[in-house]
Amino acid sequence: MKTIAIEIKWAILFIILQLIWMIGERLAGLHDENIDKHPIVTNFFAVVAIAVYVVALLDKRKNSFGGKMTWKQGFISGLIITAGVTLLTPLSQYITIALITPGYFKNIITYSVSIGKMSQEAAEAYFNMKSYILQSVIFAPVMGVVTSAIVALFTKMK
């Protein structure tokens, strides 16, 4: 367990930062009065996500590999972080929807229907807890693998 302690720490920190980001979105009105800007602004979390992976792999390189790390070691470390994030994602989605922004689905359904983007039925089928948890459990590993591969390239050191 000690060999993956750094990855577990960073997976938990990733989820905490994600929840803080959601609180920020809520406070900025992106889940209600400024919901039209949400699809754009929420994508900026990618910068935070990448930064977490960079700092995590630098931490791993320094504290587990004595300052030297191959791409493979970095990639595997990133995959472990990704596994942790993926496992914690349903909980983070639940906390976001149930506690941070319980009105989000109602608001996004209303908005999507009002601009003619979706029918009421399609919006209700797409914007719900089950759908969001499923999407996030698919999205987290896909993006985590890609991020791990790229960040490992930049954090390797011989």
N, C-alpha and C. Protein backbone atom coordinates (compact mmCIF):
# COMPACT_ATOMS: atom_id res chain seq x y z
N MET A 1 0.83 -1.19 0.00
CA MET A 1 0.00 0.00 0.00
C MET A 1 0.87 1.26 0.00
N LYS A 2 2.02 1.19 0.68
CA LYS A 2 2.91 2.35 0.73
C LYS A 2 3.39 2.75 -0.67
N THR A 3 3.51 1.76 -1.56
CA THR A 3 4.01 2.06 -2.90
C THR A 3 3.03 2.90 -3.71
N ILE A 4 1.76 2.89 -3.35
CA ILE A 4 0.78 3.70 -4.10
C ILE A 4 0.16 4.80 -3.23
N ALA A 5 0.77 5.07 -2.08
CA ALA A 5 0.24 6.10 -1.18
C ALA A 5 0.20 7.47 -1.86
N ILE A 6 1.21 7.78 -2.65
CA ILE A 6 1.24 9.08 -3.33
C ILE A 6 0.07 9.18 -4.31
N GLU A 7 -0.17 8.11 -5.05
CA GLU A 7 -1.26 8.13 -6.02
C GLU A 7 -2.62 8.25 -5.34
N ILE A 8 -2.79 7.56 -4.22
CA ILE A 8 -4.05 7.66 -3.48
C ILE A 8 -4.25 9.09 -2.98
N LYS A 9 -3.18 9.67 -2.44
CA LYS A 9 -3.25 11.06 -1.96
C LYS A 9 -3.71 11.99 -3.08
N TRP A 10 -3.11 11.85 -4.28
CA TRP A 10 -3.43 12.75 -5.38
C TRP A 10 -4.81 12.49 -5.96
N ALA A 11 -5.26 11.25 -5.93
CA ALA A 11 -6.63 10.95 -6.39
C ALA A 11 -7.64 11.64 -5.47
N ILE A 12 -7.40 11.57 -4.17
CA ILE A 12 -8.29 12.23 -3.21
C ILE A 12 -8.23 13.75 -3.38
N LEU A 13 -7.03 14.28 -3.54
CA LEU A 13 -6.90 15.73 -3.76
C LEU A 13 -7.60 16.17 -5.05
N PHE A 14 -7.52 15.34 -6.08
CA PHE A 14 -8.19 15.64 -7.34
C PHE A 14 -9.69 15.79 -7.10
N ILE A 15 -10.27 14.84 -6.38
CA ILE A 15 -11.72 14.88 -6.11
C ILE A 15 -12.07 16.09 -5.25
N ILE A 16 -11.25 16.40 -4.26
CA ILE A 16 -11.50 17.58 -3.42
C ILE A 16 -11.47 18.85 -4.27
N LEU A 17 -10.48 18.97 -5.15
CA LEU A 17 -10.41 20.14 -6.04
C LEU A 17 -11.61 20.20 -6.98
N GLN A 18 -12.04 19.04 -7.44
CA GLN A 18 -13.22 18.99 -8.31
C GLN A 18 -14.46 19.50 -7.56
N LEU A 19 -14.60 19.11 -6.31
CA LEU A 19 -15.74 19.57 -5.52
C LEU A 19 -15.64 21.07 -5.24
N ILE A 20 -14.45 21.57 -4.97
CA ILE A 20 -14.25 23.01 -4.78
C ILE A 20 -14.60 23.76 -6.07
N TRP A 21 -14.21 23.20 -7.21
CA TRP A 21 -14.55 23.80 -8.51
C TRP A 21 -16.07 23.89 -8.66
N MET A 22 -16.76 22.80 -8.28
CA MET A 22 -18.23 22.79 -8.38
C MET A 22 -18.86 23.85 -7.48
N ILE A 23 -18.30 24.02 -6.30
CA ILE A 23 -18.79 25.09 -5.41
C ILE A 23 -18.58 26.44 -6.08
N GLY A 24 -17.42 26.63 -6.68
CA GLY A 24 -17.14 27.88 -7.40
C GLY A 24 -18.12 28.11 -8.54
N GLU A 25 -18.39 27.05 -9.31
CA GLU A 25 -19.38 27.17 -10.40
C GLU A 25 -20.74 27.57 -9.85
N ARG A 26 -21.13 26.95 -8.76
CA ARG A 26 -22.42 27.25 -8.15
C ARG A 26 -22.47 28.70 -7.70
N LEU A 27 -21.41 29.14 -7.01
CA LEU A 27 -21.36 30.52 -6.52
C LEU A 27 -21.34 31.53 -7.66
N ALA A 28 -20.77 31.15 -8.80
CA ALA A 28 -20.72 32.03 -9.97
C ALA A 28 -22.03 32.02 -10.74
N GLY A 29 -22.99 31.23 -10.28
CA GLY A 29 -24.29 31.18 -10.94
C GLY A 29 -24.32 30.32 -12.19
N LEU A 30 -23.28 29.52 -12.38
CA LEU A 30 -23.22 28.69 -13.59
C LEU A 30 -24.17 27.50 -13.55
N HIS A 31 -24.82 27.29 -12.42
CA HIS A 31 -25.78 26.20 -12.31
C HIS A 31 -27.21 26.72 -12.26
N ASP A 32 -27.36 28.05 -12.41
CA ASP A 32 -28.71 28.62 -12.45
C ASP A 32 -28.74 29.86 -13.35
N GLU A 33 -28.59 31.06 -12.84
CA GLU A 33 -28.79 32.25 -13.68
C GLU A 33 -27.78 32.40 -14.82
N ASN A 34 -26.61 31.85 -14.71
CA ASN A 34 -25.61 31.92 -15.79
C ASN A 34 -25.37 30.55 -16.44
N ILE A 35 -26.40 29.74 -16.42
CA ILE A 35 -26.25 28.36 -16.90
C ILE A 35 -25.87 28.31 -18.38
N ASP A 36 -26.17 29.36 -19.12
CA ASP A 36 -25.81 29.40 -20.53
C ASP A 36 -24.28 29.42 -20.73
N LYS A 37 -23.55 29.88 -19.73
CA LYS A 37 -22.08 29.93 -19.82
C LYS A 37 -21.42 28.66 -19.26
N HIS A 38 -22.19 27.82 -18.59
CA HIS A 38 -21.64 26.62 -17.95
C HIS A 38 -20.89 25.70 -18.89
N PRO A 39 -21.43 25.37 -20.08
CA PRO A 39 -20.70 24.42 -20.95
C PRO A 39 -19.29 24.89 -21.33
N ILE A 40 -19.08 26.19 -21.39
CA ILE A 40 -17.76 26.72 -21.74
C ILE A 40 -16.86 26.74 -20.50
N VAL A 41 -17.33 27.36 -19.43
CA VAL A 41 -16.51 27.57 -18.24
C VAL A 41 -16.11 26.26 -17.58
N THR A 42 -16.99 25.29 -17.55
CA THR A 42 -16.68 24.03 -16.87
C THR A 42 -15.49 23.31 -17.50
N ASN A 43 -15.26 23.55 -18.78
CA ASN A 43 -14.13 22.92 -19.46
C ASN A 43 -12.77 23.42 -18.97
N PHE A 44 -12.75 24.58 -18.33
CA PHE A 44 -11.50 25.10 -17.79
C PHE A 44 -10.98 24.27 -16.62
N PHE A 45 -11.83 23.39 -16.08
CA PHE A 45 -11.35 22.49 -15.03
C PHE A 45 -10.24 21.59 -15.58
N ALA A 46 -10.19 21.40 -16.88
CA ALA A 46 -9.13 20.58 -17.48
C ALA A 46 -7.75 21.11 -17.10
N VAL A 47 -7.61 22.43 -16.99
CA VAL A 47 -6.32 23.03 -16.60
C VAL A 47 -5.96 22.56 -15.19
N VAL A 48 -6.93 22.58 -14.30
CA VAL A 48 -6.71 22.12 -12.92
C VAL A 48 -6.36 20.64 -12.92
N ALA A 49 -7.10 19.85 -13.68
CA ALA A 49 -6.87 18.41 -13.74
C ALA A 49 -5.46 18.08 -14.22
N ILE A 50 -5.04 18.74 -15.27
CA ILE A 50 -3.69 18.51 -15.80
C ILE A 50 -2.65 18.94 -14.79
N ALA A 51 -2.86 20.07 -14.15
CA ALA A 51 -1.92 20.54 -13.13
C ALA A 51 -1.78 19.53 -11.98
N VAL A 52 -2.89 18.94 -11.58
CA VAL A 52 -2.85 17.93 -10.52
C VAL A 52 -1.99 16.75 -10.96
N TYR A 53 -2.17 16.28 -12.17
CA TYR A 53 -1.38 15.15 -12.66
C TYR A 53 0.11 15.52 -12.74
N VAL A 54 0.41 16.73 -13.18
CA VAL A 54 1.81 17.16 -13.27
C VAL A 54 2.44 17.15 -11.88
N VAL A 55 1.80 17.80 -10.93
CA VAL A 55 2.36 17.88 -9.58
C VAL A 55 2.43 16.48 -8.95
N ALA A 56 1.42 15.65 -9.20
CA ALA A 56 1.41 14.29 -8.65
C ALA A 56 2.58 13.48 -9.19
N LEU A 57 2.81 13.55 -10.49
CA LEU A 57 3.91 12.77 -11.06
C LEU A 57 5.28 13.32 -10.65
N LEU A 58 5.37 14.62 -10.48
CA LEU A 58 6.62 15.20 -9.95
C LEU A 58 6.85 14.73 -8.51
N ASP A 59 5.78 14.68 -7.74
CA ASP A 59 5.84 14.17 -6.36
C ASP A 59 6.30 12.70 -6.37
N LYS A 60 5.72 11.92 -7.24
CA LYS A 60 6.09 10.50 -7.35
C LYS A 60 7.55 10.35 -7.76
N ARG A 61 7.96 11.14 -8.75
CA ARG A 61 9.34 11.06 -9.22
C ARG A 61 10.32 11.39 -8.09
N LYS A 62 10.03 12.44 -7.35
CA LYS A 62 10.93 12.89 -6.28
C LYS A 62 10.94 11.92 -5.10
N ASN A 63 9.77 11.48 -4.68
CA ASN A 63 9.66 10.74 -3.42
C ASN A 63 9.65 9.23 -3.55
N SER A 64 9.46 8.71 -4.74
CA SER A 64 9.45 7.25 -4.91
C SER A 64 10.59 6.75 -5.79
N PHE A 65 11.03 7.60 -6.69
CA PHE A 65 12.03 7.15 -7.66
C PHE A 65 13.35 7.92 -7.56
N GLY A 66 13.56 8.61 -6.46
CA GLY A 66 14.83 9.30 -6.24
C GLY A 66 15.18 10.34 -7.28
N GLY A 67 14.18 11.00 -7.83
CA GLY A 67 14.42 12.06 -8.80
C GLY A 67 14.52 11.58 -10.23
N LYS A 68 14.45 10.26 -10.44
CA LYS A 68 14.51 9.71 -11.80
C LYS A 68 13.24 8.89 -12.03
N MET A 69 12.67 9.07 -13.20
CA MET A 69 11.44 8.33 -13.51
C MET A 69 11.35 8.13 -15.01
N THR A 70 11.05 6.92 -15.41
CA THR A 70 10.85 6.63 -16.83
C THR A 70 9.43 7.01 -17.21
N TRP A 71 9.18 7.08 -18.52
CA TRP A 71 7.83 7.35 -18.98
C TRP A 71 6.89 6.28 -18.47
N LYS A 72 7.32 5.02 -18.51
CA LYS A 72 6.47 3.91 -18.08
C LYS A 72 6.11 4.04 -16.60
N GLN A 73 7.08 4.37 -15.77
CA GLN A 73 6.80 4.55 -14.34
C GLN A 73 5.80 5.68 -14.11
N GLY A 74 5.99 6.78 -14.82
CA GLY A 74 5.07 7.91 -14.71
C GLY A 74 3.68 7.56 -15.21
N PHE A 75 3.64 6.85 -16.32
CA PHE A 75 2.35 6.46 -16.89
C PHE A 75 1.60 5.53 -15.94
N ILE A 76 2.30 4.56 -15.38
CA ILE A 76 1.65 3.63 -14.44
C ILE A 76 1.16 4.39 -13.20
N SER A 77 1.96 5.31 -12.72
CA SER A 77 1.54 6.13 -11.58
C SER A 77 0.28 6.92 -11.93
N GLY A 78 0.27 7.50 -13.13
CA GLY A 78 -0.91 8.23 -13.60
C GLY A 78 -2.14 7.33 -13.71
N LEU A 79 -1.93 6.10 -14.15
CA LEU A 79 -3.05 5.15 -14.25
C LEU A 79 -3.62 4.81 -12.88
N ILE A 80 -2.74 4.70 -11.89
CA ILE A 80 -3.21 4.43 -10.53
C ILE A 80 -4.02 5.61 -10.01
N ILE A 81 -3.55 6.82 -10.26
CA ILE A 81 -4.32 8.02 -9.88
C ILE A 81 -5.68 7.99 -10.58
N THR A 82 -5.65 7.67 -11.87
CA THR A 82 -6.89 7.61 -12.65
C THR A 82 -7.86 6.58 -12.08
N ALA A 83 -7.35 5.43 -11.68
CA ALA A 83 -8.21 4.40 -11.08
C ALA A 83 -8.85 4.94 -9.79
N GLY A 84 -8.06 5.63 -8.98
CA GLY A 84 -8.60 6.20 -7.75
C GLY A 84 -9.66 7.26 -8.03
N VAL A 85 -9.37 8.13 -8.99
CA VAL A 85 -10.34 9.17 -9.36
C VAL A 85 -11.63 8.52 -9.88
N THR A 86 -11.48 7.51 -10.72
CA THR A 86 -12.64 6.83 -11.29
C THR A 86 -13.49 6.19 -10.19
N LEU A 87 -12.84 5.56 -9.22
CA LEU A 87 -13.58 4.93 -8.12
C LEU A 87 -14.30 5.96 -7.25
N LEU A 88 -13.71 7.13 -7.09
CA LEU A 88 -14.30 8.18 -6.24
C LEU A 88 -15.31 9.06 -6.98
N THR A 89 -15.32 8.97 -8.30
CA THR A 89 -16.18 9.85 -9.10
C THR A 89 -17.68 9.71 -8.79
N PRO A 90 -18.23 8.51 -8.63
CA PRO A 90 -19.66 8.45 -8.29
C PRO A 90 -19.99 9.19 -6.99
N LEU A 91 -19.11 9.08 -6.00
CA LEU A 91 -19.32 9.80 -4.75
C LEU A 91 -19.26 11.31 -4.98
N SER A 92 -18.29 11.76 -5.77
CA SER A 92 -18.17 13.19 -6.03
C SER A 92 -19.37 13.72 -6.81
N GLN A 93 -19.87 12.93 -7.75
CA GLN A 93 -21.08 13.33 -8.49
C GLN A 93 -22.27 13.43 -7.54
N TYR A 94 -22.39 12.47 -6.66
CA TYR A 94 -23.50 12.49 -5.70
C TYR A 94 -23.41 13.72 -4.80
N ILE A 95 -22.23 13.98 -4.26
CA ILE A 95 -22.04 15.15 -3.39
C ILE A 95 -22.37 16.43 -4.15
N THR A 96 -21.92 16.52 -5.39
CA THR A 96 -22.18 17.71 -6.20
C THR A 96 -23.67 17.92 -6.39
N ILE A 97 -24.37 16.89 -6.82
CA ILE A 97 -25.79 17.03 -7.14
C ILE A 97 -26.67 17.10 -5.90
N ALA A 98 -26.38 16.29 -4.91
CA ALA A 98 -27.24 16.25 -3.73
C ALA A 98 -26.98 17.40 -2.76
N LEU A 99 -25.73 17.83 -2.64
CA LEU A 99 -25.40 18.83 -1.62
C LEU A 99 -25.01 20.19 -2.16
N ILE A 100 -24.15 20.21 -3.17
CA ILE A 100 -23.63 21.49 -3.67
C ILE A 100 -24.65 22.20 -4.54
N THR A 101 -25.28 21.49 -5.44
CA THR A 101 -26.18 22.14 -6.39
C THR A 101 -27.40 21.27 -6.70
N PRO A 102 -28.26 21.09 -5.72
CA PRO A 102 -29.40 20.19 -5.91
C PRO A 102 -30.39 20.62 -7.01
N GLY A 103 -30.39 21.88 -7.39
CA GLY A 103 -31.31 22.34 -8.43
C GLY A 103 -30.75 22.27 -9.84
N TYR A 104 -29.53 21.77 -9.98
CA TYR A 104 -28.87 21.79 -11.28
C TYR A 104 -29.65 21.07 -12.38
N PHE A 105 -30.08 19.86 -12.13
CA PHE A 105 -30.77 19.11 -13.19
C PHE A 105 -32.05 19.81 -13.62
N LYS A 106 -32.83 20.32 -12.67
CA LYS A 106 -34.04 21.06 -13.02
C LYS A 106 -33.68 22.27 -13.89
N ASN A 107 -32.64 22.98 -13.50
CA ASN A 107 -32.23 24.19 -14.23
C ASN A 107 -31.71 23.87 -15.63
N ILE A 108 -30.88 22.86 -15.75
CA ILE A 108 -30.31 22.55 -17.06
C ILE A 108 -31.36 21.94 -17.98
N ILE A 109 -32.29 21.20 -17.43
CA ILE A 109 -33.39 20.67 -18.25
C ILE A 109 -34.23 21.83 -18.79
N THR A 110 -34.62 22.73 -17.90
CA THR A 110 -35.42 23.89 -18.31
C THR A 110 -34.68 24.71 -19.37
N TYR A 111 -33.41 24.97 -19.15
CA TYR A 111 -32.62 25.75 -20.10
C TYR A 111 -32.50 25.04 -21.45
N SER A 112 -32.17 23.76 -21.45
CA SER A 112 -31.99 23.01 -22.70
C SER A 112 -33.28 22.96 -23.52
N VAL A 113 -34.38 22.81 -22.84
CA VAL A 113 -35.68 22.79 -23.54
C VAL A 113 -36.02 24.19 -24.05
N SER A 114 -35.75 25.23 -23.24
CA SER A 114 -36.12 26.60 -23.61
C SER A 114 -35.37 27.11 -24.84
N ILE A 115 -34.15 26.64 -25.05
CA ILE A 115 -33.39 27.09 -26.23
C ILE A 115 -33.58 26.15 -27.42
N GLY A 116 -34.41 25.13 -27.23
CA GLY A 116 -34.71 24.21 -28.33
C GLY A 116 -33.63 23.18 -28.60
N LYS A 117 -32.71 23.03 -27.67
CA LYS A 117 -31.62 22.07 -27.86
C LYS A 117 -32.10 20.63 -27.70
N MET A 118 -33.07 20.42 -26.79
CA MET A 118 -33.59 19.09 -26.52
C MET A 118 -35.08 19.16 -26.22
N SER A 119 -35.73 18.04 -26.43
CA SER A 119 -37.12 17.93 -25.97
C SER A 119 -37.09 17.70 -24.46
N GLN A 120 -38.23 17.90 -23.83
CA GLN A 120 -38.33 17.68 -22.39
C GLN A 120 -37.91 16.26 -22.03
N GLU A 121 -38.40 15.30 -22.80
CA GLU A 121 -38.11 13.88 -22.51
C GLU A 121 -36.63 13.58 -22.68
N ALA A 122 -36.03 14.08 -23.75
CA ALA A 122 -34.61 13.84 -23.99
C ALA A 122 -33.76 14.50 -22.90
N ALA A 123 -34.13 15.71 -22.51
CA ALA A 123 -33.38 16.41 -21.47
C ALA A 123 -33.48 15.66 -20.14
N GLU A 124 -34.66 15.18 -19.81
CA GLU A 124 -34.83 14.44 -18.56
C GLU A 124 -34.06 13.12 -18.58
N ALA A 125 -33.99 12.50 -19.75
CA ALA A 125 -33.24 11.24 -19.87
C ALA A 125 -31.74 11.47 -19.75
N TYR A 126 -31.27 12.62 -20.21
CA TYR A 126 -29.84 12.91 -20.21
C TYR A 126 -29.36 13.54 -18.90
N PHE A 127 -30.12 14.49 -18.38
CA PHE A 127 -29.71 15.23 -17.19
C PHE A 127 -30.34 14.62 -15.94
N ASN A 128 -29.69 13.61 -15.41
CA ASN A 128 -30.13 12.98 -14.18
C ASN A 128 -28.92 12.32 -13.51
N MET A 129 -29.09 11.96 -12.25
CA MET A 129 -27.97 11.42 -11.47
C MET A 129 -27.38 10.16 -12.12
N LYS A 130 -28.21 9.23 -12.50
CA LYS A 130 -27.72 7.97 -13.08
C LYS A 130 -26.90 8.23 -14.34
N SER A 131 -27.40 9.08 -15.21
CA SER A 131 -26.72 9.41 -16.46
C SER A 131 -25.38 10.09 -16.19
N TYR A 132 -25.37 11.05 -15.26
CA TYR A 132 -24.13 11.78 -14.97
C TYR A 132 -23.08 10.88 -14.32
N ILE A 133 -23.51 9.99 -13.45
CA ILE A 133 -22.55 9.07 -12.84
C ILE A 133 -21.97 8.15 -13.90
N LEU A 134 -22.82 7.63 -14.78
CA LEU A 134 -22.35 6.76 -15.86
C LEU A 134 -21.38 7.51 -16.77
N GLN A 135 -21.73 8.71 -17.17
CA GLN A 135 -20.85 9.52 -18.02
C GLN A 135 -19.51 9.78 -17.35
N SER A 136 -19.53 10.10 -16.08
CA SER A 136 -18.28 10.43 -15.39
C SER A 136 -17.41 9.20 -15.18
N VAL A 137 -18.02 8.05 -14.98
CA VAL A 137 -17.26 6.81 -14.80
C VAL A 137 -16.63 6.37 -16.13
N ILE A 138 -17.20 6.79 -17.23
CA ILE A 138 -16.60 6.51 -18.55
C ILE A 138 -15.56 7.59 -18.88
N PHE A 139 -15.90 8.85 -18.64
CA PHE A 139 -15.03 9.97 -18.99
C PHE A 139 -13.74 10.00 -18.16
N ALA A 140 -13.83 9.73 -16.87
CA ALA A 140 -12.66 9.81 -15.99
C ALA A 140 -11.52 8.90 -16.45
N PRO A 141 -11.76 7.62 -16.72
CA PRO A 141 -10.63 6.79 -17.15
C PRO A 141 -10.10 7.16 -18.53
N VAL A 142 -10.98 7.54 -19.44
CA VAL A 142 -10.52 7.90 -20.78
C VAL A 142 -9.60 9.12 -20.70
N MET A 143 -10.05 10.16 -20.03
CA MET A 143 -9.23 11.37 -19.92
C MET A 143 -8.00 11.13 -19.04
N GLY A 144 -8.14 10.30 -18.03
CA GLY A 144 -7.02 10.00 -17.15
C GLY A 144 -5.90 9.27 -17.87
N VAL A 145 -6.25 8.33 -18.74
CA VAL A 145 -5.24 7.59 -19.50
C VAL A 145 -4.50 8.55 -20.44
N VAL A 146 -5.25 9.38 -21.15
CA VAL A 146 -4.63 10.33 -22.07
C VAL A 146 -3.74 11.32 -21.31
N THR A 147 -4.26 11.87 -20.23
CA THR A 147 -3.50 12.83 -19.43
C THR A 147 -2.25 12.17 -18.86
N SER A 148 -2.39 10.95 -18.36
CA SER A 148 -1.24 10.23 -17.79
C SER A 148 -0.14 10.03 -18.83
N ALA A 149 -0.54 9.64 -20.02
CA ALA A 149 0.44 9.40 -21.09
C ALA A 149 1.20 10.67 -21.45
N ILE A 150 0.48 11.76 -21.56
CA ILE A 150 1.11 13.02 -21.97
C ILE A 150 1.95 13.61 -20.84
N VAL A 151 1.39 13.64 -19.64
CA VAL A 151 2.13 14.23 -18.51
C VAL A 151 3.38 13.40 -18.20
N ALA A 152 3.29 12.08 -18.34
CA ALA A 152 4.46 11.22 -18.10
C ALA A 152 5.61 11.57 -19.05
N LEU A 153 5.27 12.00 -20.26
CA LEU A 153 6.31 12.43 -21.21
C LEU A 153 7.10 13.62 -20.69
N PHE A 154 6.40 14.54 -20.04
CA PHE A 154 7.03 15.77 -19.59
C PHE A 154 7.65 15.67 -18.19
N THR A 155 7.30 14.63 -17.45
CA THR A 155 7.83 14.51 -16.09
C THR A 155 8.88 13.41 -15.98
N LYS A 156 9.14 12.70 -17.03
CA LYS A 156 10.18 11.67 -16.97
C LYS A 156 11.55 12.33 -16.84
N MET A 157 12.46 11.64 -16.19
CA MET A 157 13.81 12.17 -16.04
C MET A 157 14.74 10.99 -15.80
N LYS A 158 15.81 10.98 -16.57
CA LYS A 158 16.77 9.87 -16.45
C LYS A 158 17.90 10.23 -15.53
